[in-house]
């Protein structure tokens, strides 16, 4: 990993590319993922089973706002 850039360097990079500014500030660590959970046939309880699997493997799930974020209409988790 490298040193955290100055705010000035970060802002300069951000003006050109948000992705590059993220990488220079945070490295290549996984930030988030999107999956079509409904297409994973082996999951009995959808996204909840997937979260259980991740946690059993030691992968930390962001609990802010709940482990599974749900839209107001419940149509998207």
PDB file of N, CA and C in Angstrom:
ATOM      1  N   UNK A   1       0.852  -1.177   0.000  1.00  0.00           N
ATOM      2  CA  UNK A   1       0.000   0.000   0.000  1.00  0.00           C
ATOM      3  C   UNK A   1       0.897   1.238   0.000  1.00  0.00           C
ATOM      4  N   UNK A   2       0.366   2.338  -0.426  1.00  0.00           N
ATOM      5  CA  UNK A   2       1.114   3.579  -0.497  1.00  0.00           C
ATOM      6  C   UNK A   2       0.565   4.574   0.508  1.00  0.00           C
ATOM      7  N   UNK A   3       1.291   5.676   0.652  1.00  0.00           N
ATOM      8  CA  UNK A   3       0.861   6.710   1.586  1.00  0.00           C
ATOM      9  C   UNK A   3      -0.426   7.368   1.103  1.00  0.00           C
ATOM     10  N   UNK A   4      -1.255   7.787   2.041  1.00  0.00           N
ATOM     11  CA  UNK A   4      -2.483   8.506   1.711  1.00  0.00           C
ATOM     12  C   UNK A   4      -2.119   9.830   1.052  1.00  0.00           C
ATOM     13  N   UNK A   5      -2.747  10.153  -0.074  1.00  0.00           N
ATOM     14  CA  UNK A   5      -2.411  11.403  -0.765  1.00  0.00           C
ATOM     15  C   UNK A   5      -2.919  12.617   0.021  1.00  0.00           C
ATOM     16  N   UNK A   6      -2.363  13.754  -0.304  1.00  0.00           N
ATOM     17  CA  UNK A   6      -2.862  14.994   0.294  1.00  0.00           C
ATOM     18  C   UNK A   6      -4.255  15.268  -0.268  1.00  0.00           C
ATOM     19  N   UNK A   7      -5.025  16.082   0.431  1.00  0.00           N
ATOM     20  CA  UNK A   7      -6.353  16.469  -0.042  1.00  0.00           C
ATOM     21  C   UNK A   7      -6.237  17.182  -1.390  1.00  0.00           C
ATOM     22  N   UNK A   8      -5.206  17.995  -1.534  1.00  0.00           N
ATOM     23  CA  UNK A   8      -5.000  18.710  -2.807  1.00  0.00           C
ATOM     24  C   UNK A   8      -4.795  17.727  -3.962  1.00  0.00           C
ATOM     25  N   UNK A   9      -3.949  16.704  -3.755  1.00  0.00           N
ATOM     26  CA  UNK A   9      -3.727  15.697  -4.798  1.00  0.00           C
ATOM     27  C   UNK A   9      -5.002  14.911  -5.085  1.00  0.00           C
ATOM     28  N   UNK A  10      -5.714  14.546  -4.018  1.00  0.00           N
ATOM     29  CA  UNK A  10      -6.961  13.805  -4.179  1.00  0.00           C
ATOM     30  C   UNK A  10      -7.966  14.607  -5.013  1.00  0.00           C
ATOM     31  N   UNK A  11      -8.150  15.874  -4.673  1.00  0.00           N
ATOM     32  CA  UNK A  11      -9.104  16.722  -5.391  1.00  0.00           C
ATOM     33  C   UNK A  11      -8.697  16.904  -6.851  1.00  0.00           C
ATOM     34  N   UNK A  12      -7.394  17.045  -7.107  1.00  0.00           N
ATOM     35  CA  UNK A  12      -6.908  17.183  -8.476  1.00  0.00           C
ATOM     36  C   UNK A  12      -7.250  15.926  -9.282  1.00  0.00           C
ATOM     37  N   UNK A  13      -6.987  14.752  -8.703  1.00  0.00           N
ATOM     38  CA  UNK A  13      -7.315  13.502  -9.388  1.00  0.00           C
ATOM     39  C   UNK A  13      -8.818  13.340  -9.560  1.00  0.00           C
ATOM     40  N   UNK A  14      -9.574  13.707  -8.533  1.00  0.00           N
ATOM     41  CA  UNK A  14     -11.034  13.582  -8.591  1.00  0.00           C
ATOM     42  C   UNK A  14     -11.631  14.434  -9.700  1.00  0.00           C
ATOM     43  N   UNK A  15     -11.024  15.583  -9.967  1.00  0.00           N
ATOM     44  CA  UNK A  15     -11.542  16.442 -11.032  1.00  0.00           C
ATOM     45  C   UNK A  15     -11.397  15.776 -12.400  1.00  0.00           C
ATOM     46  N   UNK A  16     -10.467  14.835 -12.501  1.00  0.00           N
ATOM     47  CA  UNK A  16     -10.260  14.116 -13.756  1.00  0.00           C
ATOM     48  C   UNK A  16     -10.975  12.761 -13.757  1.00  0.00           C
ATOM     49  N   UNK A  17     -10.931  12.061 -12.611  1.00  0.00           N
ATOM     50  CA  UNK A  17     -11.518  10.724 -12.551  1.00  0.00           C
ATOM     51  C   UNK A  17     -11.839  10.342 -11.111  1.00  0.00           C
ATOM     52  N   UNK A  18     -13.120  10.105 -10.833  1.00  0.00           N
ATOM     53  CA  UNK A  18     -13.516   9.672  -9.491  1.00  0.00           C
ATOM     54  C   UNK A  18     -12.925   8.308  -9.165  1.00  0.00           C
ATOM     55  N   UNK A  19     -12.824   7.452 -10.171  1.00  0.00           N
ATOM     56  CA  UNK A  19     -12.277   6.107  -9.939  1.00  0.00           C
ATOM     57  C   UNK A  19     -10.805   6.183  -9.548  1.00  0.00           C
ATOM     58  N   UNK A  20     -10.033   6.973 -10.270  1.00  0.00           N
ATOM     59  CA  UNK A  20      -8.609   7.108  -9.951  1.00  0.00           C
ATOM     60  C   UNK A  20      -8.433   7.712  -8.557  1.00  0.00           C
ATOM     61  N   UNK A  21      -9.237   8.714  -8.220  1.00  0.00           N
ATOM     62  CA  UNK A  21      -9.110   9.318  -6.892  1.00  0.00           C
ATOM     63  C   UNK A  21      -9.441   8.297  -5.793  1.00  0.00           C
ATOM     64  N   UNK A  22     -10.429   7.430  -6.038  1.00  0.00           N
ATOM     65  CA  UNK A  22     -10.763   6.386  -5.064  1.00  0.00           C
ATOM     66  C   UNK A  22      -9.585   5.432  -4.893  1.00  0.00           C
ATOM     67  N   UNK A  23      -9.000   4.992  -6.009  1.00  0.00           N
ATOM     68  CA  UNK A  23      -7.889   4.032  -5.949  1.00  0.00           C
ATOM     69  C   UNK A  23      -6.693   4.632  -5.227  1.00  0.00           C
ATOM     70  N   UNK A  24      -6.343   5.872  -5.521  1.00  0.00           N
ATOM     71  CA  UNK A  24      -5.182   6.483  -4.879  1.00  0.00           C
ATOM     72  C   UNK A  24      -5.419   6.662  -3.374  1.00  0.00           C
ATOM     73  N   UNK A  25      -6.659   6.878  -2.972  1.00  0.00           N
ATOM     74  CA  UNK A  25      -6.964   7.069  -1.547  1.00  0.00           C
ATOM     75  C   UNK A  25      -7.143   5.756  -0.800  1.00  0.00           C
ATOM     76  N   UNK A  26      -7.708   4.726  -1.475  1.00  0.00           N
ATOM     77  CA  UNK A  26      -8.074   3.499  -0.775  1.00  0.00           C
ATOM     78  C   UNK A  26      -7.376   2.249  -1.281  1.00  0.00           C
ATOM     79  N   UNK A  27      -6.643   2.345  -2.357  1.00  0.00           N
ATOM     80  CA  UNK A  27      -5.974   1.167  -2.899  1.00  0.00           C
ATOM     81  C   UNK A  27      -6.934   0.334  -3.727  1.00  0.00           C
ATOM     82  N   UNK A  28      -6.553  -0.900  -3.941  1.00  0.00           N
ATOM     83  CA  UNK A  28      -7.352  -1.784  -4.781  1.00  0.00           C
ATOM     84  C   UNK A  28      -8.258  -2.703  -3.960  1.00  0.00           C
ATOM     85  N   UNK A  29      -8.531  -2.342  -2.721  1.00  0.00           N
ATOM     86  CA  UNK A  29      -9.396  -3.153  -1.864  1.00  0.00           C
ATOM     87  C   UNK A  29     -10.819  -3.166  -2.407  1.00  0.00           C
ATOM     88  N   UNK A  30     -11.487  -4.283  -2.217  1.00  0.00           N
ATOM     89  CA  UNK A  30     -12.874  -4.418  -2.657  1.00  0.00           C
ATOM     90  C   UNK A  30     -13.746  -3.430  -1.903  1.00  0.00           C
ATOM     91  N   UNK A  31     -14.539  -2.683  -2.630  1.00  0.00           N
ATOM     92  CA  UNK A  31     -15.411  -1.682  -2.030  1.00  0.00           C
ATOM     93  C   UNK A  31     -16.825  -2.220  -1.912  1.00  0.00           C
ATOM     94  N   UNK A  32     -17.382  -2.718  -2.999  1.00  0.00           N
ATOM     95  CA  UNK A  32     -18.736  -3.239  -2.992  1.00  0.00           C
ATOM     96  C   UNK A  32     -18.905  -4.158  -4.193  1.00  0.00           C
ATOM     97  N   UNK A  33     -19.933  -4.974  -4.133  1.00  0.00           N
ATOM     98  CA  UNK A  33     -20.233  -5.882  -5.235  1.00  0.00           C
ATOM     99  C   UNK A  33     -21.722  -5.852  -5.529  1.00  0.00           C
ATOM    100  N   UNK A  34     -22.074  -6.258  -6.717  1.00  0.00           N
ATOM    101  CA  UNK A  34     -23.481  -6.404  -7.088  1.00  0.00           C
ATOM    102  C   UNK A  34     -23.631  -7.789  -7.718  1.00  0.00           C
ATOM    103  N   UNK A  35     -24.598  -8.536  -7.259  1.00  0.00           N
ATOM    104  CA  UNK A  35     -24.827  -9.894  -7.748  1.00  0.00           C
ATOM    105  C   UNK A  35     -26.295 -10.098  -8.075  1.00  0.00           C
ATOM    106  N   UNK A  36     -26.555 -10.966  -9.034  1.00  0.00           N
ATOM    107  CA  UNK A  36     -27.925 -11.411  -9.304  1.00  0.00           C
ATOM    108  C   UNK A  36     -28.169 -12.641  -8.437  1.00  0.00           C
ATOM    109  N   UNK A  37     -28.481 -12.397  -7.173  1.00  0.00           N
ATOM    110  CA  UNK A  37     -28.625 -13.473  -6.204  1.00  0.00           C
ATOM    111  C   UNK A  37     -29.715 -14.455  -6.622  1.00  0.00           C
ATOM    112  N   UNK A  38     -30.762 -13.960  -7.261  1.00  0.00           N
ATOM    113  CA  UNK A  38     -31.856 -14.832  -7.671  1.00  0.00           C
ATOM    114  C   UNK A  38     -31.412 -15.854  -8.715  1.00  0.00           C
ATOM    115  N   UNK A  39     -30.243 -15.648  -9.311  1.00  0.00           N
ATOM    116  CA  UNK A  39     -29.725 -16.604 -10.293  1.00  0.00           C
ATOM    117  C   UNK A  39     -28.805 -17.653  -9.672  1.00  0.00           C
ATOM    118  N   UNK A  40     -28.551 -17.557  -8.387  1.00  0.00           N
ATOM    119  CA  UNK A  40     -27.704 -18.539  -7.699  1.00  0.00           C
ATOM    120  C   UNK A  40     -28.625 -19.597  -7.107  1.00  0.00           C
ATOM    121  N   UNK A  41     -28.766 -20.706  -7.825  1.00  0.00           N
ATOM    122  CA  UNK A  41     -29.751 -21.731  -7.473  1.00  0.00           C
ATOM    123  C   UNK A  41     -29.490 -22.423  -6.142  1.00  0.00           C
ATOM    124  N   UNK A  42     -28.248 -22.445  -5.681  1.00  0.00           N
ATOM    125  CA  UNK A  42     -27.941 -23.178  -4.455  1.00  0.00           C
ATOM    126  C   UNK A  42     -28.299 -22.424  -3.180  1.00  0.00           C
ATOM    127  N   UNK A  43     -28.734 -21.174  -3.284  1.00  0.00           N
ATOM    128  CA  UNK A  43     -29.088 -20.402  -2.097  1.00  0.00           C
ATOM    129  C   UNK A  43     -30.550 -20.628  -1.735  1.00  0.00           C
ATOM    130  N   UNK A  44     -30.795 -21.148  -0.548  1.00  0.00           N
ATOM    131  CA  UNK A  44     -32.155 -21.423  -0.095  1.00  0.00           C
ATOM    132  C   UNK A  44     -32.896 -20.157   0.318  1.00  0.00           C
ATOM    133  N   UNK A  45     -32.163 -19.191   0.873  1.00  0.00           N
ATOM    134  CA  UNK A  45     -32.798 -17.997   1.431  1.00  0.00           C
ATOM    135  C   UNK A  45     -32.218 -16.728   0.803  1.00  0.00           C
ATOM    136  N   UNK A  46     -31.848 -16.789  -0.474  1.00  0.00           N
ATOM    137  CA  UNK A  46     -31.387 -15.627  -1.218  1.00  0.00           C
ATOM    138  C   UNK A  46     -30.223 -14.895  -0.601  1.00  0.00           C
ATOM    139  N   UNK A  47     -30.325 -13.583  -0.576  1.00  0.00           N
ATOM    140  CA  UNK A  47     -29.251 -12.717  -0.108  1.00  0.00           C
ATOM    141  C   UNK A  47     -28.882 -12.994   1.343  1.00  0.00           C
ATOM    142  N   UNK A  48     -29.836 -13.420   2.143  1.00  0.00           N
ATOM    143  CA  UNK A  48     -29.562 -13.700   3.554  1.00  0.00           C
ATOM    144  C   UNK A  48     -28.624 -14.895   3.678  1.00  0.00           C
ATOM    145  N   UNK A  49     -28.844 -15.923   2.863  1.00  0.00           N
ATOM    146  CA  UNK A  49     -27.948 -17.082   2.859  1.00  0.00           C
ATOM    147  C   UNK A  49     -26.560 -16.691   2.370  1.00  0.00           C
ATOM    148  N   UNK A  50     -26.502 -15.821   1.382  1.00  0.00           N
ATOM    149  CA  UNK A  50     -25.214 -15.370   0.862  1.00  0.00           C
ATOM    150  C   UNK A  50     -24.448 -14.601   1.937  1.00  0.00           C
ATOM    151  N   UNK A  51     -25.125 -13.724   2.655  1.00  0.00           N
ATOM    152  CA  UNK A  51     -24.478 -12.997   3.750  1.00  0.00           C
ATOM    153  C   UNK A  51     -23.968 -13.962   4.805  1.00  0.00           C
ATOM    154  N   UNK A  52     -24.758 -14.977   5.153  1.00  0.00           N
ATOM    155  CA  UNK A  52     -24.318 -15.983   6.127  1.00  0.00           C
ATOM    156  C   UNK A  52     -23.060 -16.691   5.642  1.00  0.00           C
ATOM    157  N   UNK A  53     -23.024 -17.023   4.360  1.00  0.00           N
ATOM    158  CA  UNK A  53     -21.853 -17.687   3.785  1.00  0.00           C
ATOM    159  C   UNK A  53     -20.634 -16.773   3.872  1.00  0.00           C
ATOM    160  N   UNK A  54     -20.784 -15.512   3.473  1.00  0.00           N
ATOM    161  CA  UNK A  54     -19.668 -14.572   3.549  1.00  0.00           C
ATOM    162  C   UNK A  54     -19.150 -14.465   4.980  1.00  0.00           C
ATOM    163  N   UNK A  55     -20.060 -14.287   5.926  1.00  0.00           N
ATOM    164  CA  UNK A  55     -19.657 -14.126   7.319  1.00  0.00           C
ATOM    165  C   UNK A  55     -18.986 -15.386   7.855  1.00  0.00           C
ATOM    166  N   UNK A  56     -19.434 -16.564   7.431  1.00  0.00           N
ATOM    167  CA  UNK A  56     -18.804 -17.817   7.880  1.00  0.00           C
ATOM    168  C   UNK A  56     -17.379 -17.945   7.341  1.00  0.00           C
ATOM    169  N   UNK A  57     -17.092 -17.239   6.258  1.00  0.00           N
ATOM    170  CA  UNK A  57     -15.749 -17.236   5.669  1.00  0.00           C
ATOM    171  C   UNK A  57     -14.897 -16.085   6.204  1.00  0.00           C
ATOM    172  N   UNK A  58     -15.448 -15.322   7.164  1.00  0.00           N
ATOM    173  CA  UNK A  58     -14.702 -14.229   7.770  1.00  0.00           C
ATOM    174  C   UNK A  58     -14.762 -12.921   7.009  1.00  0.00           C
ATOM    175  N   UNK A  59     -15.683 -12.830   6.038  1.00  0.00           N
ATOM    176  CA  UNK A  59     -15.849 -11.591   5.279  1.00  0.00           C
ATOM    177  C   UNK A  59     -16.816 -10.700   6.039  1.00  0.00           C
ATOM    178  N   UNK A  60     -16.346  -9.505   6.373  1.00  0.00           N
ATOM    179  CA  UNK A  60     -17.167  -8.581   7.158  1.00  0.00           C
ATOM    180  C   UNK A  60     -18.230  -7.938   6.277  1.00  0.00           C
ATOM    181  N   UNK A  61     -19.458  -7.934   6.767  1.00  0.00           N
ATOM    182  CA  UNK A  61     -20.585  -7.317   6.067  1.00  0.00           C
ATOM    183  C   UNK A  61     -20.893  -5.980   6.733  1.00  0.00           C
ATOM    184  N   UNK A  62     -21.039  -4.938   5.931  1.00  0.00           N
ATOM    185  CA  UNK A  62     -21.392  -3.624   6.446  1.00  0.00           C
ATOM    186  C   UNK A  62     -22.785  -3.703   7.074  1.00  0.00           C
ATOM    187  N   UNK A  63     -22.877  -3.453   8.364  1.00  0.00           N
ATOM    188  CA  UNK A  63     -24.143  -3.541   9.084  1.00  0.00           C
ATOM    189  C   UNK A  63     -24.874  -2.197   9.175  1.00  0.00           C
ATOM    190  N   UNK A  64     -24.251  -1.127   8.683  1.00  0.00           N
ATOM    191  CA  UNK A  64     -24.881   0.197   8.755  1.00  0.00           C
ATOM    192  C   UNK A  64     -26.163   0.194   7.915  1.00  0.00           C
ATOM    193  N   UNK A  65     -27.278   0.392   8.546  1.00  0.00           N
ATOM    194  CA  UNK A  65     -28.561   0.347   7.848  1.00  0.00           C
ATOM    195  C   UNK A  65     -29.062  -1.071   7.623  1.00  0.00           C
ATOM    196  N   UNK A  66     -28.422  -2.033   8.294  1.00  0.00           N
ATOM    197  CA  UNK A  66     -28.785  -3.440   8.139  1.00  0.00           C
ATOM    198  C   UNK A  66     -27.876  -4.125   7.135  1.00  0.00           C
ATOM    199  N   UNK A  67     -27.640  -5.405   7.333  1.00  0.00           N
ATOM    200  CA  UNK A  67     -26.760  -6.157   6.433  1.00  0.00           C
ATOM    201  C   UNK A  67     -27.328  -6.202   5.021  1.00  0.00           C
ATOM    202  N   UNK A  68     -28.656  -6.238   4.922  1.00  0.00           N
ATOM    203  CA  UNK A  68     -29.321  -6.222   3.616  1.00  0.00           C
ATOM    204  C   UNK A  68     -30.074  -4.898   3.509  1.00  0.00           C
ATOM    205  N   UNK A  69     -29.683  -4.106   2.544  1.00  0.00           N
ATOM    206  CA  UNK A  69     -30.360  -2.821   2.321  1.00  0.00           C
ATOM    207  C   UNK A  69     -31.552  -3.064   1.392  1.00  0.00           C
ATOM    208  N   UNK A  70     -32.700  -2.490   1.744  1.00  0.00           N
ATOM    209  CA  UNK A  70     -33.938  -2.734   0.991  1.00  0.00           C
ATOM    210  C   UNK A  70     -34.553  -1.393   0.595  1.00  0.00           C
ATOM    211  N   UNK A  71     -34.978  -1.298  -0.672  1.00  0.00           N
ATOM    212  CA  UNK A  71     -35.653  -0.075  -1.117  1.00  0.00           C
ATOM    213  C   UNK A  71     -36.976   0.077  -0.378  1.00  0.00           C
ATOM    214  N   UNK A  72     -37.514   1.279  -0.369  1.00  0.00           N
ATOM    215  CA  UNK A  72     -38.774   1.555   0.332  1.00  0.00           C
ATOM    216  C   UNK A  72     -39.921   0.654  -0.119  1.00  0.00           C
ATOM    217  N   UNK A  73     -39.952   0.320  -1.413  1.00  0.00           N
ATOM    218  CA  UNK A  73     -41.038  -0.532  -1.896  1.00  0.00           C
ATOM    219  C   UNK A  73     -40.751  -2.022  -1.725  1.00  0.00           C
ATOM    220  N   UNK A  74     -39.559  -2.347  -1.215  1.00  0.00           N
ATOM    221  CA  UNK A  74     -39.197  -3.744  -0.986  1.00  0.00           C
ATOM    222  C   UNK A  74     -38.823  -4.508  -2.242  1.00  0.00           C
ATOM    223  N   UNK A  75     -38.813  -3.838  -3.382  1.00  0.00           N
ATOM    224  CA  UNK A  75     -38.541  -4.513  -4.639  1.00  0.00           C
ATOM    225  C   UNK A  75     -37.079  -4.795  -4.923  1.00  0.00           C
ATOM    226  N   UNK A  76     -36.186  -4.103  -4.223  1.00  0.00           N
ATOM    227  CA  UNK A  76     -34.764  -4.290  -4.453  1.00  0.00           C
ATOM    228  C   UNK A  76     -34.072  -4.462  -3.110  1.00  0.00           C
ATOM    229  N   UNK A  77     -33.290  -5.508  -3.006  1.00  0.00           N
ATOM    230  CA  UNK A  77     -32.512  -5.755  -1.786  1.00  0.00           C
ATOM    231  C   UNK A  77     -31.057  -5.683  -2.151  1.00  0.00           C
TER     232      UNK A  77
END
